[in-house]
Amino acid sequence: MKLWKEFTKGIWAENPVLVLVLGMCPTLAVTSSIKNGLGMGVATCFVLLGSNGVISLVRNIVPKKVRIPIYIVVIATFVTLVEMLMKAYAPAELNEALGIFIPLIVVNCIVLGRAEAFASKNGLVASIVDALGMGAGFTLALMALGGVREFLGNGTLFEMQVVPGWPPFLLMKFAPGAFIVLGLFLAGMNKIMMRKAQREGRTFSAPAEMNCAHCRICDLSRDA
């Protein structure tokens, strides 16, 4: 039951995009279509799985003062692997669309945040389940944003025409459209969370992961 809760929290209660508001750079940049969102989500999920697994295994032997550089090296290793796999097997147009955002997974705060906040404190199985949940939540959020933008922009889904003769809505293909759709998604998510809390007779509060006190990354500068 606990593992199931760890998995589902990333999909809904602590969704990286819609609740924790992390990874905004790729979220806004690559969600012009549902296919791009899926590609970015799967790549990030692969890195999350690999880095969480390795970091959970070495967490007890990594010196505290150098943990962040070591985590980044581990993450960069898996990013390099996924980049090479995509160049070898992914469609050329997908590689071109994702571009620099695949290497930038190295500094994606979702990946480093899960390494520091969860994998460094928990065992292998729990860390893998956490990575799967967070990766699935990130992927679903990107696909939802990409699907809305692609449909409103071209009347297509997965580049297949859903509504023949749909007039192009160019705003949805560019950055302003991404901000508008994401803002509506965030507003809807907050409304759902607030209504749920109200029904349960409690006050809605943000997840603990959004509190700086929950993270130890800043300890690095104080230890130096």
Protein backbone atom coordinates (compact mmCIF):
# COMPACT_ATOMS: atom_id res chain seq x y z
CA MET A 1 0.00 0.00 0.00
CA LYS A 2 2.83 2.38 0.86
CA LEU A 3 4.55 1.75 -2.49
CA TRP A 4 1.28 2.35 -4.32
CA LYS A 5 0.93 5.68 -2.49
CA GLU A 6 4.49 6.60 -3.44
CA PHE A 7 3.66 5.88 -7.07
CA THR A 8 0.32 7.69 -7.28
CA LYS A 9 1.51 10.85 -5.50
CA GLY A 10 3.59 11.83 -8.54
CA ILE A 11 0.62 11.42 -10.86
CA TRP A 12 -1.80 13.60 -8.88
CA ALA A 13 -1.14 14.89 -5.34
CA GLU A 14 2.47 15.93 -6.03
CA ASN A 15 2.47 16.14 -9.81
CA PRO A 16 5.80 17.79 -10.78
CA VAL A 17 4.20 20.17 -13.28
CA LEU A 18 0.66 20.82 -12.05
CA VAL A 19 1.30 20.89 -8.28
CA LEU A 20 5.02 21.37 -7.57
CA VAL A 21 5.47 23.60 -10.66
CA LEU A 22 8.87 22.14 -11.56
CA GLY A 23 10.53 21.59 -14.93
CA MET A 24 8.87 24.63 -16.49
CA CYS A 25 11.50 25.08 -19.20
CA PRO A 26 10.79 21.84 -21.11
CA THR A 27 7.11 22.01 -20.13
CA LEU A 28 6.64 25.29 -21.94
CA ALA A 29 9.14 24.70 -24.75
CA VAL A 30 8.40 21.23 -26.12
CA THR A 31 4.64 20.85 -25.63
CA SER A 32 3.64 22.19 -29.03
CA SER A 33 2.37 18.66 -29.81
CA ILE A 34 1.37 15.58 -27.87
CA LYS A 35 4.15 13.55 -29.52
CA ASN A 36 6.84 15.97 -28.36
CA GLY A 37 5.42 15.90 -24.84
CA LEU A 38 5.49 12.11 -24.82
CA GLY A 39 9.07 11.99 -26.08
CA MET A 40 10.31 14.46 -23.47
CA GLY A 41 8.39 12.71 -20.72
CA VAL A 42 9.76 9.26 -21.55
CA ALA A 43 13.33 10.58 -21.75
CA THR A 44 12.99 12.27 -18.36
CA CYS A 45 11.40 9.15 -16.86
CA PHE A 46 14.37 7.06 -18.04
CA VAL A 47 16.82 9.45 -16.37
CA LEU A 48 14.73 9.55 -13.19
CA LEU A 49 14.67 5.76 -12.96
CA GLY A 50 18.39 5.37 -13.51
CA SER A 51 19.54 8.21 -11.27
CA ASN A 52 17.14 7.41 -8.42
CA GLY A 53 18.21 3.77 -8.48
CA VAL A 54 21.95 4.46 -8.44
CA ILE A 55 21.76 7.24 -5.87
CA SER A 56 19.69 5.10 -3.50
CA LEU A 57 22.37 2.40 -3.72
CA VAL A 58 25.31 4.73 -2.98
CA ARG A 59 23.58 7.09 -0.56
CA ASN A 60 25.35 5.69 2.51
CA ILE A 61 28.86 5.95 1.09
CA VAL A 62 28.68 9.41 -0.52
CA PRO A 63 30.26 12.16 1.65
CA LYS A 64 27.72 14.85 2.47
CA LYS A 65 29.90 17.72 1.24
CA VAL A 66 30.24 16.32 -2.29
CA ARG A 67 26.84 14.69 -2.71
CA ILE A 68 25.44 17.26 -5.17
CA PRO A 69 28.36 17.00 -7.66
CA ILE A 70 28.15 13.21 -7.45
CA TYR A 71 24.39 13.27 -8.05
CA ILE A 72 24.89 15.51 -11.08
CA VAL A 73 27.53 13.15 -12.52
CA VAL A 74 25.13 10.21 -12.10
CA ILE A 75 22.29 12.15 -13.73
CA ALA A 76 24.55 13.32 -16.58
CA THR A 77 25.54 9.71 -17.27
CA PHE A 78 21.93 8.67 -17.80
CA VAL A 79 21.18 11.81 -19.82
CA THR A 80 24.07 10.91 -22.14
CA LEU A 81 22.68 7.40 -22.52
CA VAL A 82 19.19 8.59 -23.37
CA GLU A 83 20.56 11.18 -25.81
CA MET A 84 22.58 8.53 -27.64
CA LEU A 85 19.62 6.13 -27.74
CA MET A 86 17.34 8.82 -29.14
CA LYS A 87 19.83 9.78 -31.82
CA ALA A 88 20.13 6.12 -32.80
CA TYR A 89 16.48 5.05 -32.71
CA ALA A 90 14.09 8.02 -32.35
CA PRO A 91 12.60 9.72 -35.43
CA ALA A 92 14.72 12.58 -36.74
CA GLU A 93 11.88 15.09 -36.41
CA LEU A 94 11.46 14.23 -32.73
CA ASN A 95 15.20 14.71 -32.09
CA GLU A 96 15.04 18.05 -33.86
CA ALA A 97 11.97 19.17 -31.90
CA LEU A 98 13.41 18.27 -28.50
CA GLY A 99 16.88 19.53 -29.40
CA ILE A 100 18.82 21.07 -26.53
CA PHE A 101 16.15 20.13 -23.98
CA ILE A 102 17.37 16.53 -23.78
CA PRO A 103 20.88 17.50 -22.57
CA LEU A 104 19.26 20.04 -20.25
CA ILE A 105 17.62 17.20 -18.29
CA VAL A 106 20.93 17.23 -16.36
CA VAL A 107 19.82 20.45 -14.64
CA ASN A 108 16.10 19.64 -14.55
CA CYS A 109 15.03 20.39 -10.98
CA ILE A 110 12.64 17.43 -10.98
CA VAL A 111 15.48 14.94 -11.42
CA LEU A 112 17.91 16.54 -8.96
CA GLY A 113 15.06 17.26 -6.55
CA ARG A 114 13.97 13.60 -6.39
CA ALA A 115 17.59 12.52 -5.98
CA GLU A 116 18.09 14.86 -3.02
CA ALA A 117 14.65 14.72 -1.42
CA PHE A 118 13.86 11.01 -1.86
CA ALA A 119 16.48 8.68 -3.36
CA SER A 120 19.19 9.84 -0.95
CA LYS A 121 16.96 8.87 2.00
CA ASN A 122 15.22 5.69 0.83
CA GLY A 123 15.94 2.19 -0.45
CA LEU A 124 16.16 0.97 -4.02
CA VAL A 125 12.60 -0.28 -4.49
CA ALA A 126 10.97 2.81 -2.98
CA SER A 127 13.24 5.10 -5.03
CA ILE A 128 12.36 3.30 -8.27
CA VAL A 129 8.63 3.49 -7.48
CA ASP A 130 9.00 7.21 -6.71
CA ALA A 131 10.81 7.74 -10.03
CA LEU A 132 8.10 5.84 -11.92
CA GLY A 133 5.35 7.92 -10.32
CA MET A 134 7.06 11.26 -10.85
CA GLY A 135 8.05 10.30 -14.39
CA ALA A 136 4.51 9.18 -15.21
CA GLY A 137 3.05 12.37 -13.75
CA PHE A 138 5.49 14.54 -15.69
CA THR A 139 4.79 12.63 -18.92
CA LEU A 140 1.01 12.80 -18.54
CA ALA A 141 1.14 16.53 -17.80
CA LEU A 142 3.29 17.20 -20.88
CA MET A 143 1.04 15.05 -23.06
CA ALA A 144 -2.06 16.85 -21.78
CA LEU A 145 -0.55 20.27 -22.47
CA GLY A 146 0.76 19.15 -25.84
CA GLY A 147 -2.58 17.59 -26.76
CA VAL A 148 -4.54 20.76 -25.98
CA ARG A 149 -2.09 23.00 -27.82
CA GLU A 150 -1.88 20.68 -30.85
CA PHE A 151 -5.64 20.31 -31.09
CA LEU A 152 -6.37 24.02 -30.72
CA GLY A 153 -3.52 24.94 -33.05
CA ASN A 154 -4.13 22.49 -35.90
CA GLY A 155 -7.15 20.34 -35.06
CA THR A 156 -4.85 17.29 -34.86
CA LEU A 157 -3.71 14.73 -32.28
CA PHE A 158 -0.52 12.72 -32.83
CA GLU A 159 -0.35 14.63 -36.15
CA MET A 160 -3.59 12.99 -37.33
CA GLN A 161 -6.41 15.30 -38.40
CA VAL A 162 -9.25 15.05 -35.89
CA VAL A 163 -11.38 17.91 -37.18
CA PRO A 164 -11.17 18.41 -40.99
CA GLY A 165 -10.89 22.02 -42.06
CA TRP A 166 -9.84 23.26 -38.63
CA PRO A 167 -8.60 26.89 -38.96
CA PRO A 168 -4.99 27.20 -37.70
CA PHE A 169 -4.71 28.90 -34.31
CA LEU A 170 -1.10 30.10 -34.43
CA LEU A 171 -1.06 31.38 -30.84
CA MET A 172 -1.09 27.79 -29.55
CA LYS A 173 2.08 26.93 -31.49
CA PHE A 174 4.23 29.54 -29.74
CA ALA A 175 5.33 30.42 -26.19
CA PRO A 176 2.35 32.66 -25.30
CA GLY A 177 -0.02 29.77 -26.03
CA ALA A 178 2.01 27.50 -23.75
CA PHE A 179 1.79 30.01 -20.89
CA ILE A 180 -1.96 30.45 -21.35
CA VAL A 181 -2.75 26.72 -21.43
CA LEU A 182 -0.45 25.96 -18.50
CA GLY A 183 -2.01 28.78 -16.48
CA LEU A 184 -5.48 27.34 -17.10
CA PHE A 185 -4.26 23.87 -16.10
CA LEU A 186 -2.74 25.19 -12.87
CA ALA A 187 -5.87 27.16 -12.03
CA GLY A 188 -8.03 24.09 -12.59
CA MET A 189 -5.73 21.90 -10.48
CA ASN A 190 -5.75 24.41 -7.61
CA LYS A 191 -9.53 24.65 -7.76
CA ILE A 192 -9.89 20.86 -7.55
CA MET A 193 -7.45 20.65 -4.62
CA MET A 194 -9.20 23.48 -2.74
CA ARG A 195 -12.66 21.96 -3.21
CA LYS A 196 -11.39 18.57 -2.06
CA ALA A 197 -9.86 20.11 1.06
CA GLN A 198 -13.08 22.01 1.75
CA ARG A 199 -15.17 18.83 1.51
CA GLU A 200 -12.82 17.13 3.97
CA GLY A 201 -13.10 20.05 6.40
CA ARG A 202 -9.50 21.17 6.20
CA THR A 203 -7.51 24.08 4.80
CA PHE A 204 -5.69 23.48 1.54
CA SER A 205 -1.91 23.64 1.89
CA ALA A 206 0.87 23.10 -0.62
CA PRO A 207 2.85 19.81 -0.50
CA ALA A 208 5.85 19.71 1.82
CA GLU A 209 8.14 19.38 -1.22
CA MET A 210 7.44 23.04 -2.03
CA ASN A 211 8.84 24.09 1.35
CA CYS A 212 12.55 24.98 1.27
CA ALA A 213 13.00 23.37 4.69
CA HIS A 214 12.23 19.99 3.08
CA CYS A 215 15.31 20.18 0.85
CA ARG A 216 18.99 20.00 1.84
CA ILE A 217 20.57 21.33 -1.35
CA CYS A 218 21.34 24.69 0.25
CA ASP A 219 23.29 22.90 2.99
CA LEU A 220 26.11 22.52 0.46
CA SER A 221 26.97 26.23 0.61
CA ARG A 222 26.77 26.29 4.40
CA ASP A 223 29.07 23.23 4.66
CA ALA A 224 31.70 24.76 2.35
